[in-house]
Amino acid sequence: MDLRMNYRAANPGAFKAMMAMEQYVSEQFEDKVLYELLKIRVSQINGCAFCLDMHAKDLMKLGDYGDHILLLSVWNEVPLFTDKQRVMLELAETVTRISEQGVPLELYNKVREYFSETEVVNLIMAVNSINSWNRIAITTGMYPGCFN
């Protein structure tokens, strides 16, 4: 497996811009578990091996979340996840697949039961950020360990 290009070297300004967005978004989340679950689930949907590997490892650093990682793709079928996590995951999936149905008002209202307006914007920004990272990684052929 070969890396198609090192986008960081090819366009350091783009990398710097993405890192600035990532830093801003990550600072908005007190609940780092929630943040990592969001990044893993979106990366699963997009099929990004590099980001799945990175964020699964990041979540494991926060505690014993092996079952969460193993069952994240079927979060709506297991009682492991909290109601707040479930609502966030549903929003993350819906925003990632936004061309399919938009964001239904019913989902938005459910999200607002758990998150303030500011927090909703933070969730949307986090979904946007990881979707961007996934698209960069997949397009440039990144895979786990490619920069080692």
N, C-alpha and C. Protein backbone atom coordinates (compact mmCIF):
# COMPACT_ATOMS: atom_id res chain seq x y z
N MET A 1 0.84 -1.17 0.00
CA MET A 1 0.00 0.00 0.00
C MET A 1 0.89 1.24 0.00
N ASP A 2 0.62 2.14 -0.89
CA ASP A 2 1.42 3.36 -1.00
C ASP A 2 0.57 4.60 -0.78
N LEU A 3 1.14 5.54 -0.08
CA LEU A 3 0.52 6.85 0.11
C LEU A 3 0.55 7.57 -1.23
N ARG A 4 -0.57 8.07 -1.70
CA ARG A 4 -0.59 8.77 -2.99
C ARG A 4 0.19 10.06 -2.94
N MET A 5 0.03 10.79 -1.84
CA MET A 5 0.77 12.03 -1.66
C MET A 5 0.77 12.39 -0.19
N ASN A 6 1.76 13.14 0.20
CA ASN A 6 1.81 13.69 1.55
C ASN A 6 1.22 15.09 1.44
N TYR A 7 -0.06 15.20 1.72
CA TYR A 7 -0.72 16.50 1.55
C TYR A 7 -0.13 17.55 2.47
N ARG A 8 0.41 17.13 3.61
CA ARG A 8 1.01 18.08 4.55
C ARG A 8 2.20 18.78 3.91
N ALA A 9 3.00 18.03 3.19
CA ALA A 9 4.17 18.60 2.52
C ALA A 9 3.76 19.33 1.25
N ALA A 10 2.75 18.81 0.55
CA ALA A 10 2.31 19.40 -0.71
C ALA A 10 1.66 20.77 -0.52
N ASN A 11 0.97 20.94 0.64
CA ASN A 11 0.28 22.21 0.87
C ASN A 11 0.22 22.48 2.37
N PRO A 12 1.33 22.95 2.93
CA PRO A 12 1.38 23.20 4.38
C PRO A 12 0.31 24.19 4.86
N GLY A 13 -0.07 25.14 4.03
CA GLY A 13 -1.11 26.10 4.41
C GLY A 13 -2.46 25.43 4.63
N ALA A 14 -2.79 24.48 3.77
CA ALA A 14 -4.05 23.74 3.93
C ALA A 14 -4.03 22.93 5.22
N PHE A 15 -2.89 22.28 5.49
CA PHE A 15 -2.76 21.51 6.72
C PHE A 15 -2.89 22.43 7.93
N LYS A 16 -2.28 23.58 7.88
CA LYS A 16 -2.35 24.54 9.00
C LYS A 16 -3.80 25.00 9.22
N ALA A 17 -4.52 25.25 8.14
CA ALA A 17 -5.92 25.67 8.25
C ALA A 17 -6.77 24.57 8.88
N MET A 18 -6.56 23.33 8.44
CA MET A 18 -7.32 22.21 9.01
C MET A 18 -6.98 22.03 10.49
N MET A 19 -5.72 22.17 10.84
CA MET A 19 -5.32 22.02 12.24
C MET A 19 -5.92 23.13 13.11
N ALA A 20 -6.02 24.33 12.57
CA ALA A 20 -6.63 25.43 13.33
C ALA A 20 -8.11 25.12 13.59
N MET A 21 -8.80 24.61 12.59
CA MET A 21 -10.20 24.25 12.77
C MET A 21 -10.31 23.12 13.79
N GLU A 22 -9.46 22.11 13.66
CA GLU A 22 -9.48 20.98 14.59
C GLU A 22 -9.23 21.44 16.03
N GLN A 23 -8.28 22.30 16.21
CA GLN A 23 -7.96 22.78 17.55
C GLN A 23 -9.14 23.54 18.15
N TYR A 24 -9.74 24.42 17.35
CA TYR A 24 -10.89 25.18 17.84
C TYR A 24 -12.02 24.24 18.24
N VAL A 25 -12.36 23.31 17.36
CA VAL A 25 -13.48 22.42 17.61
C VAL A 25 -13.21 21.54 18.83
N SER A 26 -12.02 20.97 18.92
CA SER A 26 -11.72 20.07 20.04
C SER A 26 -11.77 20.79 21.38
N GLU A 27 -11.42 22.07 21.40
CA GLU A 27 -11.46 22.85 22.64
C GLU A 27 -12.88 23.12 23.11
N GLN A 28 -13.87 22.93 22.26
CA GLN A 28 -15.26 23.20 22.62
C GLN A 28 -15.90 22.04 23.37
N PHE A 29 -15.24 20.89 23.38
CA PHE A 29 -15.83 19.69 23.96
C PHE A 29 -15.20 19.36 25.30
N GLU A 30 -15.98 19.50 26.37
CA GLU A 30 -15.53 19.02 27.68
C GLU A 30 -15.58 17.50 27.72
N ASP A 31 -16.58 16.93 27.08
CA ASP A 31 -16.76 15.48 27.05
C ASP A 31 -15.97 14.91 25.87
N LYS A 32 -14.73 14.52 26.13
CA LYS A 32 -13.85 14.01 25.07
C LYS A 32 -14.30 12.65 24.56
N VAL A 33 -14.98 11.87 25.39
CA VAL A 33 -15.51 10.58 24.94
C VAL A 33 -16.56 10.82 23.85
N LEU A 34 -17.46 11.73 24.09
CA LEU A 34 -18.48 12.08 23.11
C LEU A 34 -17.84 12.51 21.80
N TYR A 35 -16.82 13.35 21.91
CA TYR A 35 -16.12 13.87 20.74
C TYR A 35 -15.46 12.74 19.94
N GLU A 36 -14.80 11.82 20.62
CA GLU A 36 -14.14 10.71 19.92
C GLU A 36 -15.16 9.75 19.32
N LEU A 37 -16.26 9.50 20.01
CA LEU A 37 -17.31 8.65 19.44
C LEU A 37 -17.83 9.26 18.14
N LEU A 38 -18.03 10.56 18.13
CA LEU A 38 -18.50 11.25 16.93
C LEU A 38 -17.50 11.04 15.79
N LYS A 39 -16.22 11.24 16.08
CA LYS A 39 -15.20 11.12 15.02
C LYS A 39 -15.08 9.69 14.51
N ILE A 40 -15.20 8.73 15.40
CA ILE A 40 -15.12 7.33 14.97
C ILE A 40 -16.33 6.98 14.10
N ARG A 41 -17.53 7.36 14.54
CA ARG A 41 -18.74 6.97 13.79
C ARG A 41 -18.75 7.60 12.40
N VAL A 42 -18.40 8.85 12.30
CA VAL A 42 -18.37 9.50 10.98
C VAL A 42 -17.30 8.84 10.11
N SER A 43 -16.16 8.50 10.69
CA SER A 43 -15.10 7.84 9.93
C SER A 43 -15.52 6.44 9.47
N GLN A 44 -16.34 5.75 10.26
CA GLN A 44 -16.89 4.46 9.84
C GLN A 44 -17.77 4.64 8.62
N ILE A 45 -18.66 5.62 8.67
CA ILE A 45 -19.57 5.87 7.56
C ILE A 45 -18.79 6.18 6.29
N ASN A 46 -17.75 6.99 6.42
CA ASN A 46 -16.97 7.41 5.26
C ASN A 46 -15.93 6.38 4.83
N GLY A 47 -15.67 5.38 5.66
CA GLY A 47 -14.70 4.35 5.30
C GLY A 47 -13.26 4.82 5.37
N CYS A 48 -12.93 5.61 6.38
CA CYS A 48 -11.59 6.17 6.51
C CYS A 48 -10.77 5.38 7.53
N ALA A 49 -9.92 4.49 7.05
CA ALA A 49 -9.12 3.63 7.92
C ALA A 49 -8.16 4.43 8.78
N PHE A 50 -7.54 5.45 8.21
CA PHE A 50 -6.57 6.26 8.96
C PHE A 50 -7.24 6.90 10.18
N CYS A 51 -8.37 7.55 9.96
CA CYS A 51 -9.06 8.26 11.05
C CYS A 51 -9.68 7.28 12.04
N LEU A 52 -10.22 6.16 11.56
CA LEU A 52 -10.76 5.14 12.46
C LEU A 52 -9.68 4.66 13.43
N ASP A 53 -8.52 4.36 12.90
CA ASP A 53 -7.41 3.88 13.72
C ASP A 53 -7.00 4.94 14.74
N MET A 54 -6.82 6.16 14.29
CA MET A 54 -6.36 7.25 15.16
C MET A 54 -7.35 7.51 16.29
N HIS A 55 -8.63 7.62 15.95
CA HIS A 55 -9.60 8.03 16.96
C HIS A 55 -10.03 6.87 17.87
N ALA A 56 -9.96 5.64 17.38
CA ALA A 56 -10.18 4.50 18.27
C ALA A 56 -9.07 4.45 19.32
N LYS A 57 -7.85 4.68 18.90
CA LYS A 57 -6.73 4.71 19.85
C LYS A 57 -6.87 5.88 20.82
N ASP A 58 -7.32 7.03 20.32
CA ASP A 58 -7.52 8.20 21.19
C ASP A 58 -8.59 7.90 22.24
N LEU A 59 -9.68 7.23 21.83
CA LEU A 59 -10.74 6.89 22.77
C LEU A 59 -10.24 5.90 23.82
N MET A 60 -9.44 4.95 23.41
CA MET A 60 -8.91 3.97 24.35
C MET A 60 -8.01 4.62 25.40
N LYS A 61 -7.37 5.71 25.05
CA LYS A 61 -6.54 6.44 26.02
C LYS A 61 -7.40 7.09 27.11
N LEU A 62 -8.68 7.27 26.84
CA LEU A 62 -9.58 7.90 27.80
C LEU A 62 -10.19 6.90 28.79
N GLY A 63 -9.99 5.63 28.54
CA GLY A 63 -10.54 4.62 29.43
C GLY A 63 -10.83 3.33 28.70
N ASP A 64 -11.58 2.46 29.34
CA ASP A 64 -11.91 1.16 28.77
C ASP A 64 -13.15 1.29 27.90
N TYR A 65 -12.93 1.63 26.64
CA TYR A 65 -14.03 1.85 25.71
C TYR A 65 -14.01 0.86 24.55
N GLY A 66 -13.40 -0.30 24.77
CA GLY A 66 -13.33 -1.31 23.72
C GLY A 66 -14.69 -1.73 23.21
N ASP A 67 -15.64 -1.96 24.11
CA ASP A 67 -16.99 -2.34 23.68
C ASP A 67 -17.66 -1.23 22.89
N HIS A 68 -17.42 0.01 23.27
CA HIS A 68 -18.00 1.13 22.54
C HIS A 68 -17.48 1.15 21.10
N ILE A 69 -16.20 0.92 20.94
CA ILE A 69 -15.60 0.91 19.61
C ILE A 69 -16.15 -0.25 18.79
N LEU A 70 -16.20 -1.44 19.41
CA LEU A 70 -16.66 -2.62 18.69
C LEU A 70 -18.12 -2.51 18.27
N LEU A 71 -18.94 -1.85 19.07
CA LEU A 71 -20.38 -1.81 18.82
C LEU A 71 -20.88 -0.48 18.26
N LEU A 72 -19.97 0.41 17.95
CA LEU A 72 -20.38 1.75 17.51
C LEU A 72 -21.18 1.73 16.21
N SER A 73 -20.85 0.83 15.31
CA SER A 73 -21.58 0.79 14.04
C SER A 73 -23.03 0.33 14.21
N VAL A 74 -23.33 -0.26 15.38
CA VAL A 74 -24.70 -0.71 15.67
C VAL A 74 -25.20 -0.07 16.96
N TRP A 75 -24.82 1.15 17.19
CA TRP A 75 -25.14 1.88 18.42
C TRP A 75 -26.63 1.87 18.73
N ASN A 76 -27.46 1.90 17.71
CA ASN A 76 -28.91 1.98 17.94
C ASN A 76 -29.52 0.62 18.28
N GLU A 77 -28.71 -0.44 18.33
CA GLU A 77 -29.21 -1.78 18.63
C GLU A 77 -28.72 -2.32 19.97
N VAL A 78 -27.92 -1.52 20.69
CA VAL A 78 -27.37 -1.99 21.97
C VAL A 78 -27.59 -0.94 23.06
N PRO A 79 -27.74 -1.39 24.32
CA PRO A 79 -27.99 -0.44 25.41
C PRO A 79 -26.73 0.22 25.98
N LEU A 80 -25.59 0.00 25.36
CA LEU A 80 -24.31 0.48 25.87
C LEU A 80 -24.19 2.01 25.88
N PHE A 81 -24.82 2.66 24.94
CA PHE A 81 -24.65 4.11 24.78
C PHE A 81 -25.72 4.88 25.54
N THR A 82 -25.34 6.03 26.09
CA THR A 82 -26.29 6.88 26.80
C THR A 82 -27.25 7.53 25.81
N ASP A 83 -28.35 8.06 26.33
CA ASP A 83 -29.31 8.76 25.47
C ASP A 83 -28.64 9.96 24.79
N LYS A 84 -27.82 10.67 25.52
CA LYS A 84 -27.13 11.83 24.95
C LYS A 84 -26.19 11.39 23.83
N GLN A 85 -25.46 10.30 24.02
CA GLN A 85 -24.58 9.79 22.98
C GLN A 85 -25.38 9.35 21.76
N ARG A 86 -26.51 8.72 22.00
CA ARG A 86 -27.37 8.25 20.90
C ARG A 86 -27.86 9.42 20.03
N VAL A 87 -28.30 10.46 20.70
CA VAL A 87 -28.79 11.63 19.96
C VAL A 87 -27.65 12.25 19.16
N MET A 88 -26.48 12.37 19.77
CA MET A 88 -25.32 12.92 19.06
C MET A 88 -24.96 12.05 17.86
N LEU A 89 -24.97 10.72 18.04
CA LEU A 89 -24.62 9.82 16.95
C LEU A 89 -25.63 9.92 15.80
N GLU A 90 -26.89 10.02 16.16
CA GLU A 90 -27.91 10.17 15.11
C GLU A 90 -27.70 11.47 14.34
N LEU A 91 -27.40 12.55 15.05
CA LEU A 91 -27.13 13.81 14.37
C LEU A 91 -25.88 13.70 13.50
N ALA A 92 -24.82 13.11 14.03
CA ALA A 92 -23.57 12.97 13.26
C ALA A 92 -23.80 12.18 11.97
N GLU A 93 -24.55 11.10 12.07
CA GLU A 93 -24.85 10.31 10.88
C GLU A 93 -25.68 11.11 9.88
N THR A 94 -26.68 11.81 10.39
CA THR A 94 -27.58 12.57 9.52
C THR A 94 -26.85 13.71 8.82
N VAL A 95 -26.02 14.43 9.55
CA VAL A 95 -25.27 15.54 8.94
C VAL A 95 -24.25 15.00 7.94
N THR A 96 -23.63 13.87 8.24
CA THR A 96 -22.69 13.27 7.29
C THR A 96 -23.38 12.87 6.00
N ARG A 97 -24.62 12.40 6.12
CA ARG A 97 -25.41 11.97 4.95
C ARG A 97 -26.47 13.00 4.61
N ILE A 98 -26.17 14.25 4.77
CA ILE A 98 -27.16 15.32 4.68
C ILE A 98 -27.90 15.37 3.35
N SER A 99 -27.28 14.92 2.26
CA SER A 99 -27.95 14.97 0.95
C SER A 99 -29.12 14.00 0.86
N GLU A 100 -29.19 13.02 1.77
CA GLU A 100 -30.25 12.02 1.72
C GLU A 100 -31.59 12.53 2.23
N GLN A 101 -31.59 13.33 3.29
CA GLN A 101 -32.87 13.78 3.85
C GLN A 101 -32.79 15.11 4.58
N GLY A 102 -31.65 15.77 4.50
CA GLY A 102 -31.49 16.98 5.29
C GLY A 102 -31.41 16.61 6.76
N VAL A 103 -31.79 17.52 7.63
CA VAL A 103 -31.86 17.24 9.06
C VAL A 103 -33.32 17.47 9.47
N PRO A 104 -34.06 16.38 9.70
CA PRO A 104 -35.48 16.52 10.05
C PRO A 104 -35.67 17.31 11.35
N LEU A 105 -36.74 18.08 11.40
CA LEU A 105 -37.06 18.88 12.58
C LEU A 105 -37.18 18.01 13.82
N GLU A 106 -37.74 16.83 13.68
CA GLU A 106 -37.89 15.92 14.82
C GLU A 106 -36.52 15.60 15.43
N LEU A 107 -35.53 15.34 14.59
CA LEU A 107 -34.18 15.07 15.10
C LEU A 107 -33.59 16.32 15.74
N TYR A 108 -33.74 17.45 15.09
CA TYR A 108 -33.22 18.70 15.66
C TYR A 108 -33.81 18.94 17.05
N ASN A 109 -35.12 18.76 17.18
CA ASN A 109 -35.76 18.97 18.48
C ASN A 109 -35.26 17.98 19.53
N LYS A 110 -35.00 16.75 19.12
CA LYS A 110 -34.46 15.74 20.03
C LYS A 110 -33.04 16.15 20.47
N VAL A 111 -32.25 16.63 19.55
CA VAL A 111 -30.89 17.08 19.86
C VAL A 111 -30.94 18.23 20.86
N ARG A 112 -31.87 19.15 20.68
CA ARG A 112 -31.98 20.31 21.56
C ARG A 112 -32.39 19.93 22.99
N GLU A 113 -32.93 18.75 23.19
CA GLU A 113 -33.25 18.29 24.54
C GLU A 113 -31.98 18.05 25.35
N TYR A 114 -30.88 17.77 24.66
CA TYR A 114 -29.62 17.42 25.32
C TYR A 114 -28.52 18.46 25.14
N PHE A 115 -28.64 19.29 24.12
CA PHE A 115 -27.57 20.23 23.77
C PHE A 115 -28.11 21.64 23.57
N SER A 116 -27.37 22.62 24.07
CA SER A 116 -27.73 24.03 23.86
C SER A 116 -27.47 24.40 22.39
N GLU A 117 -27.92 25.58 21.99
CA GLU A 117 -27.66 26.02 20.61
C GLU A 117 -26.17 26.07 20.33
N THR A 118 -25.39 26.59 21.28
CA THR A 118 -23.94 26.65 21.10
C THR A 118 -23.37 25.25 20.93
N GLU A 119 -23.83 24.32 21.73
CA GLU A 119 -23.34 22.94 21.64
C GLU A 119 -23.75 22.28 20.32
N VAL A 120 -24.93 22.62 19.81
CA VAL A 120 -25.36 22.08 18.51
C VAL A 120 -24.40 22.57 17.42
N VAL A 121 -24.05 23.84 17.47
CA VAL A 121 -23.09 24.37 16.49
C VAL A 121 -21.76 23.63 16.63
N ASN A 122 -21.33 23.39 17.86
CA ASN A 122 -20.08 22.65 18.08
C ASN A 122 -20.16 21.25 17.49
N LEU A 123 -21.28 20.58 17.65
CA LEU A 123 -21.45 19.25 17.06
C LEU A 123 -21.38 19.31 15.54
N ILE A 124 -22.05 20.27 14.96
CA ILE A 124 -22.02 20.42 13.50
C ILE A 124 -20.59 20.69 13.03
N MET A 125 -19.90 21.56 13.74
CA MET A 125 -18.51 21.86 13.37
C MET A 125 -17.63 20.61 13.50
N ALA A 126 -17.86 19.80 14.52
CA ALA A 126 -17.08 18.57 14.70
C ALA A 126 -17.35 17.59 13.56
N VAL A 127 -18.61 17.47 13.16
CA VAL A 127 -18.95 16.60 12.03
C VAL A 127 -18.30 17.13 10.75
N ASN A 128 -18.37 18.44 10.55
CA ASN A 128 -17.73 19.03 9.37
C ASN A 128 -16.24 18.77 9.36
N SER A 129 -15.61 18.94 10.52
CA SER A 129 -14.17 18.76 10.61
C SER A 129 -13.76 17.33 10.29
N ILE A 130 -14.39 16.34 10.91
CA ILE A 130 -13.97 14.96 10.66
C ILE A 130 -14.33 14.53 9.24
N ASN A 131 -15.43 15.03 8.70
CA ASN A 131 -15.73 14.73 7.30
C ASN A 131 -14.63 15.29 6.39
N SER A 132 -14.13 16.47 6.69
CA SER A 132 -13.02 17.04 5.89
C SER A 132 -11.77 16.20 6.03
N TRP A 133 -11.42 15.84 7.26
CA TRP A 133 -10.23 14.99 7.47
C TRP A 133 -10.39 13.66 6.73
N ASN A 134 -11.57 13.06 6.80
CA ASN A 134 -11.79 11.79 6.10
C ASN A 134 -11.57 11.94 4.60
N ARG A 135 -12.08 13.00 4.04
CA ARG A 135 -11.97 13.20 2.60
C ARG A 135 -10.51 13.45 2.18
N ILE A 136 -9.77 14.15 3.00
CA ILE A 136 -8.35 14.35 2.72
C ILE A 136 -7.62 13.00 2.79
N ALA A 137 -7.85 12.25 3.87
CA ALA A 137 -7.15 10.98 4.07
C ALA A 137 -7.47 9.97 2.97
N ILE A 138 -8.73 9.83 2.64
CA ILE A 138 -9.13 8.85 1.63
C ILE A 138 -8.59 9.24 0.26
N THR A 139 -8.73 10.50 -0.11
CA THR A 139 -8.29 10.96 -1.43
C THR A 139 -6.78 10.82 -1.61
N THR A 140 -6.01 11.08 -0.56
CA THR A 140 -4.55 11.02 -0.67
C THR A 140 -3.97 9.65 -0.34
N GLY A 141 -4.86 8.69 -0.03
CA GLY A 141 -4.41 7.32 0.19
C GLY A 141 -3.78 7.05 1.55
N MET A 142 -4.18 7.82 2.56
CA MET A 142 -3.62 7.61 3.90
C MET A 142 -4.15 6.32 4.49
N TYR A 143 -3.32 5.67 5.28
CA TYR A 143 -3.67 4.43 5.96
C TYR A 143 -2.96 4.43 7.31
N PRO A 144 -3.43 3.61 8.25
CA PRO A 144 -2.80 3.60 9.57
C PRO A 144 -1.29 3.35 9.47
N GLY A 145 -0.51 4.23 10.09
CA GLY A 145 0.94 4.09 10.10
C GLY A 145 1.65 4.67 8.89
N CYS A 146 0.93 5.31 8.00
CA CYS A 146 1.57 5.80 6.77
C CYS A 146 2.60 6.90 6.99
N PHE A 147 2.54 7.57 8.12
CA PHE A 147 3.50 8.64 8.39
C PHE A 147 4.59 8.20 9.36
N ASN A 148 4.63 6.92 9.72
CA ASN A 148 5.68 6.42 10.64
C ASN A 148 6.98 6.20 9.90
